[in-house]
Structures are given as structure tokens and as C-alpha cells.
Amino acid sequence: TSATRSSQLPQVPTIAESGLPEFKGFEAVGWLGLMAPKGTPRPVVDRLNREVVDILNGPDMQKFIRDRGSEPAPTTPEAMDQFIASEIVEWGKAVKQSGASVD
């Protein structure tokens, strides 16, 4: 569940809206990101980002994504780096708390 209600099911509350304290601030969403190999020249990264953001901001693509129950979220390479780092920390906590391990 995301922090906001789904545009397809606006009457369905988010987990965070459940009122249970353990779910306050809870958010678990699927996401996609476009990556480039380490060492890709910055001008190439910037151009790729501009082109992808332009596509994602187009009305046809916005509709396409929303019609499938997702929300487009174009961003910058730096913001994506921060997001991935925070996901690693948060999911790392969940794995440790669960006691899961790799065999």
C-alpha cells in the first residue's frame, strides 16, 4: 500500500489509515527505475533522464500508467539514488526483524 489511496479504489483506505499504531507511516509500493552502468558519463545520464521524464510526463503515458493502477513518479538520478538507499535500509530492518536468512 502506498501513503495515498489508489485512484482506482479511492474508497479503500491505506494500511496507514487503519488506525493501528504499528502501521503508522507504513508504505510498501512497487517501483521501476532505469539504471545505467557505473561510470556512464554524466551528460549521457542527464540526457537519458530528460528523455524518460519527458515521456513519463506525457498525457498518454500518464493515462497508460494510471489505468494499470500505478502512479507515474519521474525523478532525478540523485533522488532515485536516495530512494534506493532508503529502501535498502527499511527493507533491511524488516528482514532482520523477521529473522529471515539465506540458506
PDB file of N, CA and C in Angstrom:
ATOM      1  N   THR A   1       0.841  -1.178   0.000  1.00  0.00           N
ATOM      2  CA  THR A   1       0.000   0.000   0.000  1.00  0.00           C
ATOM      3  C   THR A   1       0.884   1.239   0.000  1.00  0.00           C
ATOM      4  N   SER A   2       0.419   2.236  -0.671  1.00  0.00           N
ATOM      5  CA  SER A   2       1.178   3.482  -0.700  1.00  0.00           C
ATOM      6  C   SER A   2       0.684   4.397   0.411  1.00  0.00           C
ATOM      7  N   ALA A   3       1.279   5.571   0.509  1.00  0.00           N
ATOM      8  CA  ALA A   3       0.871   6.542   1.519  1.00  0.00           C
ATOM      9  C   ALA A   3      -0.456   7.199   1.154  1.00  0.00           C
ATOM     10  N   THR A   4      -0.828   7.121  -0.118  1.00  0.00           N
ATOM     11  CA  THR A   4      -2.088   7.711  -0.564  1.00  0.00           C
ATOM     12  C   THR A   4      -2.985   6.626  -1.148  1.00  0.00           C
ATOM     13  N   ARG A   5      -4.261   6.902  -1.155  1.00  0.00           N
ATOM     14  CA  ARG A   5      -5.223   5.934  -1.689  1.00  0.00           C
ATOM     15  C   ARG A   5      -5.068   5.780  -3.197  1.00  0.00           C
ATOM     16  N   SER A   6      -5.420   4.614  -3.666  1.00  0.00           N
ATOM     17  CA  SER A   6      -5.364   4.318  -5.093  1.00  0.00           C
ATOM     18  C   SER A   6      -6.411   5.134  -5.835  1.00  0.00           C
ATOM     19  N   SER A   7      -6.041   5.671  -6.982  1.00  0.00           N
ATOM     20  CA  SER A   7      -7.018   6.404  -7.795  1.00  0.00           C
ATOM     21  C   SER A   7      -8.079   5.456  -8.348  1.00  0.00           C
ATOM     22  N   GLN A   8      -7.747   4.160  -8.440  1.00  0.00           N
ATOM     23  CA  GLN A   8      -8.723   3.185  -8.930  1.00  0.00           C
ATOM     24  C   GLN A   8      -9.685   2.723  -7.838  1.00  0.00           C
ATOM     25  N   LEU A   9      -9.261   2.799  -6.590  1.00  0.00           N
ATOM     26  CA  LEU A   9     -10.096   2.375  -5.458  1.00  0.00           C
ATOM     27  C   LEU A   9     -10.030   3.422  -4.350  1.00  0.00           C
ATOM     28  N   PRO A  10     -10.517   4.635  -4.622  1.00  0.00           N
ATOM     29  CA  PRO A  10     -10.365   5.712  -3.636  1.00  0.00           C
ATOM     30  C   PRO A  10     -11.123   5.473  -2.332  1.00  0.00           C
ATOM     31  N   GLN A  11     -12.108   4.574  -2.354  1.00  0.00           N
ATOM     32  CA  GLN A  11     -12.872   4.285  -1.143  1.00  0.00           C
ATOM     33  C   GLN A  11     -12.143   3.322  -0.205  1.00  0.00           C
ATOM     34  N   VAL A  12     -11.075   2.695  -0.683  1.00  0.00           N
ATOM     35  CA  VAL A  12     -10.322   1.733   0.129  1.00  0.00           C
ATOM     36  C   VAL A  12      -9.203   2.479   0.853  1.00  0.00           C
ATOM     37  N   PRO A  13      -9.224   2.453   2.192  1.00  0.00           N
ATOM     38  CA  PRO A  13      -8.185   3.165   2.938  1.00  0.00           C
ATOM     39  C   PRO A  13      -6.818   2.494   2.813  1.00  0.00           C
ATOM     40  N   THR A  14      -5.800   3.274   3.045  1.00  0.00           N
ATOM     41  CA  THR A  14      -4.442   2.733   3.065  1.00  0.00           C
ATOM     42  C   THR A  14      -4.222   1.985   4.379  1.00  0.00           C
ATOM     43  N   ILE A  15      -3.178   1.178   4.439  1.00  0.00           N
ATOM     44  CA  ILE A  15      -2.857   0.487   5.691  1.00  0.00           C
ATOM     45  C   ILE A  15      -2.568   1.508   6.787  1.00  0.00           C
ATOM     46  N   ALA A  16      -1.880   2.584   6.443  1.00  0.00           N
ATOM     47  CA  ALA A  16      -1.560   3.608   7.439  1.00  0.00           C
ATOM     48  C   ALA A  16      -2.825   4.237   8.015  1.00  0.00           C
ATOM     49  N   GLU A  17      -3.911   4.263   7.237  1.00  0.00           N
ATOM     50  CA  GLU A  17      -5.175   4.826   7.716  1.00  0.00           C
ATOM     51  C   GLU A  17      -5.953   3.857   8.602  1.00  0.00           C
ATOM     52  N   SER A  18      -5.441   2.656   8.795  1.00  0.00           N
ATOM     53  CA  SER A  18      -6.157   1.644   9.578  1.00  0.00           C
ATOM     54  C   SER A  18      -6.301   2.034  11.039  1.00  0.00           C
ATOM     55  N   GLY A  19      -5.448   2.926  11.504  1.00  0.00           N
ATOM     56  CA  GLY A  19      -5.502   3.339  12.895  1.00  0.00           C
ATOM     57  C   GLY A  19      -4.612   2.517  13.811  1.00  0.00           C
ATOM     58  N   LEU A  20      -4.059   1.439  13.311  1.00  0.00           N
ATOM     59  CA  LEU A  20      -3.168   0.617  14.128  1.00  0.00           C
ATOM     60  C   LEU A  20      -1.799   1.293  14.209  1.00  0.00           C
ATOM     61  N   PRO A  21      -1.294   1.508  15.422  1.00  0.00           N
ATOM     62  CA  PRO A  21      -0.036   2.256  15.556  1.00  0.00           C
ATOM     63  C   PRO A  21       1.149   1.627  14.837  1.00  0.00           C
ATOM     64  N   GLU A  22       1.166   0.298  14.735  1.00  0.00           N
ATOM     65  CA  GLU A  22       2.309  -0.340  14.072  1.00  0.00           C
ATOM     66  C   GLU A  22       2.348  -0.066  12.574  1.00  0.00           C
ATOM     67  N   PHE A  23       1.255   0.455  12.020  1.00  0.00           N
ATOM     68  CA  PHE A  23       1.225   0.760  10.591  1.00  0.00           C
ATOM     69  C   PHE A  23       1.331   2.252  10.299  1.00  0.00           C
ATOM     70  N   LYS A  24       1.539   3.059  11.334  1.00  0.00           N
ATOM     71  CA  LYS A  24       1.682   4.497  11.116  1.00  0.00           C
ATOM     72  C   LYS A  24       2.897   4.739  10.219  1.00  0.00           C
ATOM     73  N   GLY A  25       2.696   5.438   9.135  1.00  0.00           N
ATOM     74  CA  GLY A  25       3.773   5.732   8.202  1.00  0.00           C
ATOM     75  C   GLY A  25       4.158   4.578   7.293  1.00  0.00           C
ATOM     76  N   PHE A  26       3.407   3.464   7.375  1.00  0.00           N
ATOM     77  CA  PHE A  26       3.737   2.294   6.555  1.00  0.00           C
ATOM     78  C   PHE A  26       3.507   2.581   5.083  1.00  0.00           C
ATOM     79  N   GLU A  27       4.458   2.156   4.274  1.00  0.00           N
ATOM     80  CA  GLU A  27       4.320   2.275   2.826  1.00  0.00           C
ATOM     81  C   GLU A  27       5.146   1.180   2.171  1.00  0.00           C
ATOM     82  N   ALA A  28       4.527   0.443   1.289  1.00  0.00           N
ATOM     83  CA  ALA A  28       5.231  -0.578   0.514  1.00  0.00           C
ATOM     84  C   ALA A  28       4.661  -0.537  -0.895  1.00  0.00           C
ATOM     85  N   VAL A  29       5.438  -0.033  -1.802  1.00  0.00           N
ATOM     86  CA  VAL A  29       4.965   0.108  -3.178  1.00  0.00           C
ATOM     87  C   VAL A  29       5.955  -0.535  -4.139  1.00  0.00           C
ATOM     88  N   GLY A  30       5.429  -1.005  -5.233  1.00  0.00           N
ATOM     89  CA  GLY A  30       6.296  -1.476  -6.301  1.00  0.00           C
ATOM     90  C   GLY A  30       6.814  -0.271  -7.067  1.00  0.00           C
ATOM     91  N   TRP A  31       8.007  -0.372  -7.561  1.00  0.00           N
ATOM     92  CA  TRP A  31       8.557   0.741  -8.326  1.00  0.00           C
ATOM     93  C   TRP A  31       9.479   0.216  -9.422  1.00  0.00           C
ATOM     94  N   LEU A  32       9.667   1.053 -10.398  1.00  0.00           N
ATOM     95  CA  LEU A  32      10.570   0.746 -11.503  1.00  0.00           C
ATOM     96  C   LEU A  32      11.557   1.891 -11.643  1.00  0.00           C
ATOM     97  N   GLY A  33      12.759   1.568 -12.002  1.00  0.00           N
ATOM     98  CA  GLY A  33      13.757   2.597 -12.237  1.00  0.00           C
ATOM     99  C   GLY A  33      14.645   2.187 -13.394  1.00  0.00           C
ATOM    100  N   LEU A  34      15.137   3.147 -14.097  1.00  0.00           N
ATOM    101  CA  LEU A  34      16.048   2.894 -15.207  1.00  0.00           C
ATOM    102  C   LEU A  34      17.463   3.173 -14.720  1.00  0.00           C
ATOM    103  N   MET A  35      18.329   2.202 -14.861  1.00  0.00           N
ATOM    104  CA  MET A  35      19.704   2.334 -14.384  1.00  0.00           C
ATOM    105  C   MET A  35      20.673   2.334 -15.562  1.00  0.00           C
ATOM    106  N   ALA A  36      21.822   2.938 -15.328  1.00  0.00           N
ATOM    107  CA  ALA A  36      22.912   2.920 -16.310  1.00  0.00           C
ATOM    108  C   ALA A  36      24.138   2.335 -15.621  1.00  0.00           C
ATOM    109  N   PRO A  37      25.049   1.768 -16.379  1.00  0.00           N
ATOM    110  CA  PRO A  37      26.254   1.200 -15.763  1.00  0.00           C
ATOM    111  C   PRO A  37      27.064   2.260 -15.010  1.00  0.00           C
ATOM    112  N   LYS A  38      27.712   1.833 -13.926  1.00  0.00           N
ATOM    113  CA  LYS A  38      28.604   2.722 -13.190  1.00  0.00           C
ATOM    114  C   LYS A  38      29.636   3.285 -14.165  1.00  0.00           C
ATOM    115  N   GLY A  39      29.893   4.573 -14.035  1.00  0.00           N
ATOM    116  CA  GLY A  39      30.877   5.209 -14.900  1.00  0.00           C
ATOM    117  C   GLY A  39      30.294   5.802 -16.170  1.00  0.00           C
ATOM    118  N   THR A  40      28.979   5.667 -16.365  1.00  0.00           N
ATOM    119  CA  THR A  40      28.354   6.292 -17.536  1.00  0.00           C
ATOM    120  C   THR A  40      28.575   7.801 -17.438  1.00  0.00           C
ATOM    121  N   PRO A  41      29.045   8.443 -18.494  1.00  0.00           N
ATOM    122  CA  PRO A  41      29.294   9.888 -18.435  1.00  0.00           C
ATOM    123  C   PRO A  41      28.038  10.664 -18.027  1.00  0.00           C
ATOM    124  N   ARG A  42      28.238  11.678 -17.191  1.00  0.00           N
ATOM    125  CA  ARG A  42      27.115  12.454 -16.668  1.00  0.00           C
ATOM    126  C   ARG A  42      26.240  13.049 -17.777  1.00  0.00           C
ATOM    127  N   PRO A  43      26.798  13.567 -18.858  1.00  0.00           N
ATOM    128  CA  PRO A  43      25.928  14.090 -19.915  1.00  0.00           C
ATOM    129  C   PRO A  43      24.985  13.020 -20.486  1.00  0.00           C
ATOM    130  N   VAL A  44      25.439  11.784 -20.548  1.00  0.00           N
ATOM    131  CA  VAL A  44      24.592  10.690 -21.043  1.00  0.00           C
ATOM    132  C   VAL A  44      23.481  10.411 -20.036  1.00  0.00           C
ATOM    133  N   VAL A  45      23.827  10.365 -18.751  1.00  0.00           N
ATOM    134  CA  VAL A  45      22.825  10.148 -17.698  1.00  0.00           C
ATOM    135  C   VAL A  45      21.787  11.265 -17.730  1.00  0.00           C
ATOM    136  N   ASP A  46      22.246  12.506 -17.838  1.00  0.00           N
ATOM    137  CA  ASP A  46      21.327  13.651 -17.859  1.00  0.00           C
ATOM    138  C   ASP A  46      20.390  13.597 -19.060  1.00  0.00           C
ATOM    139  N   ARG A  47      20.921  13.257 -20.212  1.00  0.00           N
ATOM    140  CA  ARG A  47      20.084  13.178 -21.418  1.00  0.00           C
ATOM    141  C   ARG A  47      19.061  12.064 -21.284  1.00  0.00           C
ATOM    142  N   LEU A  48      19.495  10.912 -20.825  1.00  0.00           N
ATOM    143  CA  LEU A  48      18.590   9.785 -20.630  1.00  0.00           C
ATOM    144  C   LEU A  48      17.485  10.159 -19.650  1.00  0.00           C
ATOM    145  N   ASN A  49      17.859  10.813 -18.556  1.00  0.00           N
ATOM    146  CA  ASN A  49      16.864  11.230 -17.570  1.00  0.00           C
ATOM    147  C   ASN A  49      15.868  12.215 -18.169  1.00  0.00           C
ATOM    148  N   ARG A  50      16.353  13.202 -18.898  1.00  0.00           N
ATOM    149  CA  ARG A  50      15.443  14.187 -19.523  1.00  0.00           C
ATOM    150  C   ARG A  50      14.455  13.505 -20.452  1.00  0.00           C
ATOM    151  N   GLU A  51      14.953  12.603 -21.279  1.00  0.00           N
ATOM    152  CA  GLU A  51      14.087  11.922 -22.250  1.00  0.00           C
ATOM    153  C   GLU A  51      13.033  11.069 -21.541  1.00  0.00           C
ATOM    154  N   VAL A  52      13.440  10.325 -20.525  1.00  0.00           N
ATOM    155  CA  VAL A  52      12.499   9.466 -19.800  1.00  0.00           C
ATOM    156  C   VAL A  52      11.472  10.316 -19.051  1.00  0.00           C
ATOM    157  N   VAL A  53      11.912  11.382 -18.403  1.00  0.00           N
ATOM    158  CA  VAL A  53      10.980  12.267 -17.690  1.00  0.00           C
ATOM    159  C   VAL A  53       9.979  12.876 -18.668  1.00  0.00           C
ATOM    160  N   ASP A  54      10.445  13.308 -19.829  1.00  0.00           N
ATOM    161  CA  ASP A  54       9.530  13.862 -20.838  1.00  0.00           C
ATOM    162  C   ASP A  54       8.479  12.830 -21.249  1.00  0.00           C
ATOM    163  N   ILE A  55       8.909  11.595 -21.440  1.00  0.00           N
ATOM    164  CA  ILE A  55       7.966  10.531 -21.812  1.00  0.00           C
ATOM    165  C   ILE A  55       6.969  10.287 -20.685  1.00  0.00           C
ATOM    166  N   LEU A  56       7.467  10.161 -19.455  1.00  0.00           N
ATOM    167  CA  LEU A  56       6.585   9.882 -18.316  1.00  0.00           C
ATOM    168  C   LEU A  56       5.613  11.016 -18.034  1.00  0.00           C
ATOM    169  N   ASN A  57       5.987  12.241 -18.376  1.00  0.00           N
ATOM    170  CA  ASN A  57       5.101  13.383 -18.156  1.00  0.00           C
ATOM    171  C   ASN A  57       4.070  13.570 -19.266  1.00  0.00           C
ATOM    172  N   GLY A  58       4.191  12.829 -20.340  1.00  0.00           N
ATOM    173  CA  GLY A  58       3.232  12.945 -21.439  1.00  0.00           C
ATOM    174  C   GLY A  58       1.860  12.427 -21.030  1.00  0.00           C
ATOM    175  N   PRO A  59       0.795  13.065 -21.501  1.00  0.00           N
ATOM    176  CA  PRO A  59      -0.554  12.670 -21.092  1.00  0.00           C
ATOM    177  C   PRO A  59      -0.906  11.227 -21.443  1.00  0.00           C
ATOM    178  N   ASP A  60      -0.462  10.744 -22.589  1.00  0.00           N
ATOM    179  CA  ASP A  60      -0.765   9.354 -22.955  1.00  0.00           C
ATOM    180  C   ASP A  60      -0.089   8.369 -22.009  1.00  0.00           C
ATOM    181  N   MET A  61       1.162   8.642 -21.657  1.00  0.00           N
ATOM    182  CA  MET A  61       1.877   7.746 -20.744  1.00  0.00           C
ATOM    183  C   MET A  61       1.298   7.843 -19.335  1.00  0.00           C
ATOM    184  N   GLN A  62       0.936   9.045 -18.914  1.00  0.00           N
ATOM    185  CA  GLN A  62       0.314   9.206 -17.593  1.00  0.00           C
ATOM    186  C   GLN A  62      -0.959   8.357 -17.508  1.00  0.00           C
ATOM    187  N   LYS A  63      -1.781   8.434 -18.542  1.00  0.00           N
ATOM    188  CA  LYS A  63      -3.020   7.650 -18.565  1.00  0.00           C
ATOM    189  C   LYS A  63      -2.712   6.155 -18.589  1.00  0.00           C
ATOM    190  N   PHE A  64      -1.764   5.752 -19.405  1.00  0.00           N
ATOM    191  CA  PHE A  64      -1.385   4.344 -19.518  1.00  0.00           C
ATOM    192  C   PHE A  64      -0.975   3.786 -18.156  1.00  0.00           C
ATOM    193  N   ILE A  65      -0.142   4.512 -17.445  1.00  0.00           N
ATOM    194  CA  ILE A  65       0.346   4.053 -16.138  1.00  0.00           C
ATOM    195  C   ILE A  65      -0.785   4.032 -15.119  1.00  0.00           C
ATOM    196  N   ARG A  66      -1.577   5.098 -15.071  1.00  0.00           N
ATOM    197  CA  ARG A  66      -2.676   5.168 -14.091  1.00  0.00           C
ATOM    198  C   ARG A  66      -3.751   4.125 -14.368  1.00  0.00           C
ATOM    199  N   ASP A  67      -4.013   3.851 -15.635  1.00  0.00           N
ATOM    200  CA  ASP A  67      -5.010   2.828 -15.975  1.00  0.00           C
ATOM    201  C   ASP A  67      -4.603   1.448 -15.473  1.00  0.00           C
ATOM    202  N   ARG A  68      -3.361   1.274 -15.147  1.00  0.00           N
ATOM    203  CA  ARG A  68      -2.858  -0.006 -14.644  1.00  0.00           C
ATOM    204  C   ARG A  68      -2.645   0.013 -13.133  1.00  0.00           C
ATOM    205  N   GLY A  69      -3.189   1.049 -12.475  1.00  0.00           N
ATOM    206  CA  GLY A  69      -3.160   1.109 -11.020  1.00  0.00           C
ATOM    207  C   GLY A  69      -1.889   1.655 -10.409  1.00  0.00           C
ATOM    208  N   SER A  70      -1.069   2.303 -11.202  1.00  0.00           N
ATOM    209  CA  SER A  70       0.176   2.870 -10.682  1.00  0.00           C
ATOM    210  C   SER A  70       0.150   4.381 -10.812  1.00  0.00           C
ATOM    211  N   GLU A  71       1.113   5.006 -10.197  1.00  0.00           N
ATOM    212  CA  GLU A  71       1.267   6.451 -10.291  1.00  0.00           C
ATOM    213  C   GLU A  71       2.635   6.755 -10.880  1.00  0.00           C
ATOM    214  N   PRO A  72       2.676   7.512 -11.968  1.00  0.00           N
ATOM    215  CA  PRO A  72       3.972   7.885 -12.531  1.00  0.00           C
ATOM    216  C   PRO A  72       4.710   8.803 -11.557  1.00  0.00           C
ATOM    217  N   ALA A  73       6.002   8.600 -11.431  1.00  0.00           N
ATOM    218  CA  ALA A  73       6.788   9.401 -10.494  1.00  0.00           C
ATOM    219  C   ALA A  73       8.165   9.703 -11.072  1.00  0.00           C
ATOM    220  N   PRO A  74       8.203  10.496 -12.149  1.00  0.00           N
ATOM    221  CA  PRO A  74       9.507  10.833 -12.710  1.00  0.00           C
ATOM    222  C   PRO A  74      10.347  11.580 -11.675  1.00  0.00           C
ATOM    223  N   THR A  75      11.645  11.352 -11.707  1.00  0.00           N
ATOM    224  CA  THR A  75      12.517  11.935 -10.695  1.00  0.00           C
ATOM    225  C   THR A  75      13.900  12.193 -11.272  1.00  0.00           C
ATOM    226  N   THR A  76      14.805  12.590 -10.428  1.00  0.00           N
ATOM    227  CA  THR A  76      16.187  12.839 -10.837  1.00  0.00           C
ATOM    228  C   THR A  76      17.060  11.644 -10.457  1.00  0.00           C
ATOM    229  N   PRO A  77      18.226  11.525 -11.074  1.00  0.00           N
ATOM    230  CA  PRO A  77      19.131  10.443 -10.669  1.00  0.00           C
ATOM    231  C   PRO A  77      19.488  10.513  -9.178  1.00  0.00           C
ATOM    232  N   GLU A  78      19.701  11.717  -8.665  1.00  0.00           N
ATOM    233  CA  GLU A  78      20.065  11.872  -7.257  1.00  0.00           C
ATOM    234  C   GLU A  78      18.925  11.446  -6.334  1.00  0.00           C
ATOM    235  N   ALA A  79      17.704  11.835  -6.674  1.00  0.00           N
ATOM    236  CA  ALA A  79      16.557  11.440  -5.851  1.00  0.00           C
ATOM    237  C   ALA A  79      16.350   9.929  -5.909  1.00  0.00           C
ATOM    238  N   MET A  80      16.594   9.334  -7.065  1.00  0.00           N
ATOM    239  CA  MET A  80      16.460   7.879  -7.186  1.00  0.00           C
ATOM    240  C   MET A  80      17.518   7.176  -6.347  1.00  0.00           C
ATOM    241  N   ASP A  81      18.735   7.686  -6.356  1.00  0.00           N
ATOM    242  CA  ASP A  81      19.792   7.124  -5.504  1.00  0.00           C
ATOM    243  C   ASP A  81      19.372   7.155  -4.037  1.00  0.00           C
ATOM    244  N   GLN A  82      18.831   8.289  -3.596  1.00  0.00           N
ATOM    245  CA  GLN A  82      18.389   8.421  -2.199  1.00  0.00           C
ATOM    246  C   GLN A  82      17.242   7.465  -1.897  1.00  0.00           C
ATOM    247  N   PHE A  83      16.311   7.345  -2.832  1.00  0.00           N
ATOM    248  CA  PHE A  83      15.172   6.446  -2.637  1.00  0.00           C
ATOM    249  C   PHE A  83      15.645   5.003  -2.489  1.00  0.00           C
ATOM    250  N   ILE A  84      16.532   4.564  -3.373  1.00  0.00           N
ATOM    251  CA  ILE A  84      17.030   3.188  -3.308  1.00  0.00           C
ATOM    252  C   ILE A  84      17.771   2.954  -1.991  1.00  0.00           C
ATOM    253  N   ALA A  85      18.579   3.915  -1.577  1.00  0.00           N
ATOM    254  CA  ALA A  85      19.299   3.775  -0.304  1.00  0.00           C
ATOM    255  C   ALA A  85      18.321   3.640   0.860  1.00  0.00           C
ATOM    256  N   SER A  86      17.242   4.427   0.844  1.00  0.00           N
ATOM    257  CA  SER A  86      16.258   4.332   1.933  1.00  0.00           C
ATOM    258  C   SER A  86      15.500   3.013   1.881  1.00  0.00           C
ATOM    259  N   GLU A  87      15.224   2.507   0.692  1.00  0.00           N
ATOM    260  CA  GLU A  87      14.558   1.207   0.562  1.00  0.00           C
ATOM    261  C   GLU A  87      15.433   0.094   1.139  1.00  0.00           C
ATOM    262  N   ILE A  88      16.731   0.156   0.876  1.00  0.00           N
ATOM    263  CA  ILE A  88      17.654  -0.853   1.403  1.00  0.00           C
ATOM    264  C   ILE A  88      17.631  -0.838   2.929  1.00  0.00           C
ATOM    265  N   VAL A  89      17.656   0.354   3.512  1.00  0.00           N
ATOM    266  CA  VAL A  89      17.623   0.466   4.976  1.00  0.00           C
ATOM    267  C   VAL A  89      16.313  -0.080   5.527  1.00  0.00           C
ATOM    268  N   GLU A  90      15.189   0.368   4.975  1.00  0.00           N
ATOM    269  CA  GLU A  90      13.883  -0.037   5.511  1.00  0.00           C
ATOM    270  C   GLU A  90      13.626  -1.526   5.344  1.00  0.00           C
ATOM    271  N   TRP A  91      13.895  -2.066   4.162  1.00  0.00           N
ATOM    272  CA  TRP A  91      13.659  -3.497   3.959  1.00  0.00           C
ATOM    273  C   TRP A  91      14.681  -4.334   4.716  1.00  0.00           C
ATOM    274  N   GLY A  92      15.872  -3.787   4.932  1.00  0.00           N
ATOM    275  CA  GLY A  92      16.860  -4.477   5.760  1.00  0.00           C
ATOM    276  C   GLY A  92      16.356  -4.647   7.184  1.00  0.00           C
ATOM    277  N   LYS A  93      15.717  -3.600   7.715  1.00  0.00           N
ATOM    278  CA  LYS A  93      15.123  -3.687   9.060  1.00  0.00           C
ATOM    279  C   LYS A  93      14.049  -4.765   9.102  1.00  0.00           C
ATOM    280  N   ALA A  94      13.211  -4.793   8.078  1.00  0.00           N
ATOM    281  CA  ALA A  94      12.123  -5.781   8.038  1.00  0.00           C
ATOM    282  C   ALA A  94      12.676  -7.203   7.992  1.00  0.00           C
ATOM    283  N   VAL A  95      13.715  -7.413   7.216  1.00  0.00           N
ATOM    284  CA  VAL A  95      14.318  -8.748   7.119  1.00  0.00           C
ATOM    285  C   VAL A  95      14.914  -9.147   8.465  1.00  0.00           C
ATOM    286  N   LYS A  96      15.646  -8.238   9.105  1.00  0.00           N
ATOM    287  CA  LYS A  96      16.240  -8.543  10.412  1.00  0.00           C
ATOM    288  C   LYS A  96      15.161  -8.852  11.442  1.00  0.00           C
ATOM    289  N   GLN A  97      14.106  -8.032  11.457  1.00  0.00           N
ATOM    290  CA  GLN A  97      13.025  -8.235  12.422  1.00  0.00           C
ATOM    291  C   GLN A  97      12.320  -9.570  12.185  1.00  0.00           C
ATOM    292  N   SER A  98      12.222  -9.985  10.945  1.00  0.00           N
ATOM    293  CA  SER A  98      11.528 -11.239  10.628  1.00  0.00           C
ATOM    294  C   SER A  98      12.362 -12.467  10.987  1.00  0.00           C
ATOM    295  N   GLY A  99      13.675 -12.285  11.081  1.00  0.00           N
ATOM    296  CA  GLY A  99      14.549 -13.416  11.350  1.00  0.00           C
ATOM    297  C   GLY A  99      14.874 -14.237  10.109  1.00  0.00           C
ATOM    298  N   ALA A 100      14.478 -13.759   8.951  1.00  0.00           N
ATOM    299  CA  ALA A 100      14.741 -14.488   7.704  1.00  0.00           C
ATOM    300  C   ALA A 100      16.243 -14.567   7.451  1.00  0.00           C
ATOM    301  N   SER A 101      16.653 -15.643   6.806  1.00  0.00           N
ATOM    302  CA  SER A 101      18.060 -15.787   6.447  1.00  0.00           C
ATOM    303  C   SER A 101      18.169 -16.530   5.119  1.00  0.00           C
ATOM    304  N   VAL A 102      19.322 -16.417   4.514  1.00  0.00           N
ATOM    305  CA  VAL A 102      19.590 -17.098   3.252  1.00  0.00           C
ATOM    306  C   VAL A 102      20.230 -18.440   3.573  1.00  0.00           C
ATOM    307  N   ASP A 103      19.718 -19.493   2.973  1.00  0.00           N
ATOM    308  CA  ASP A 103      20.299 -20.827   3.194  1.00  0.00           C
ATOM    309  C   ASP A 103      21.511 -21.024   2.326  1.00  0.00           C
TER     310      ASP A 103
END
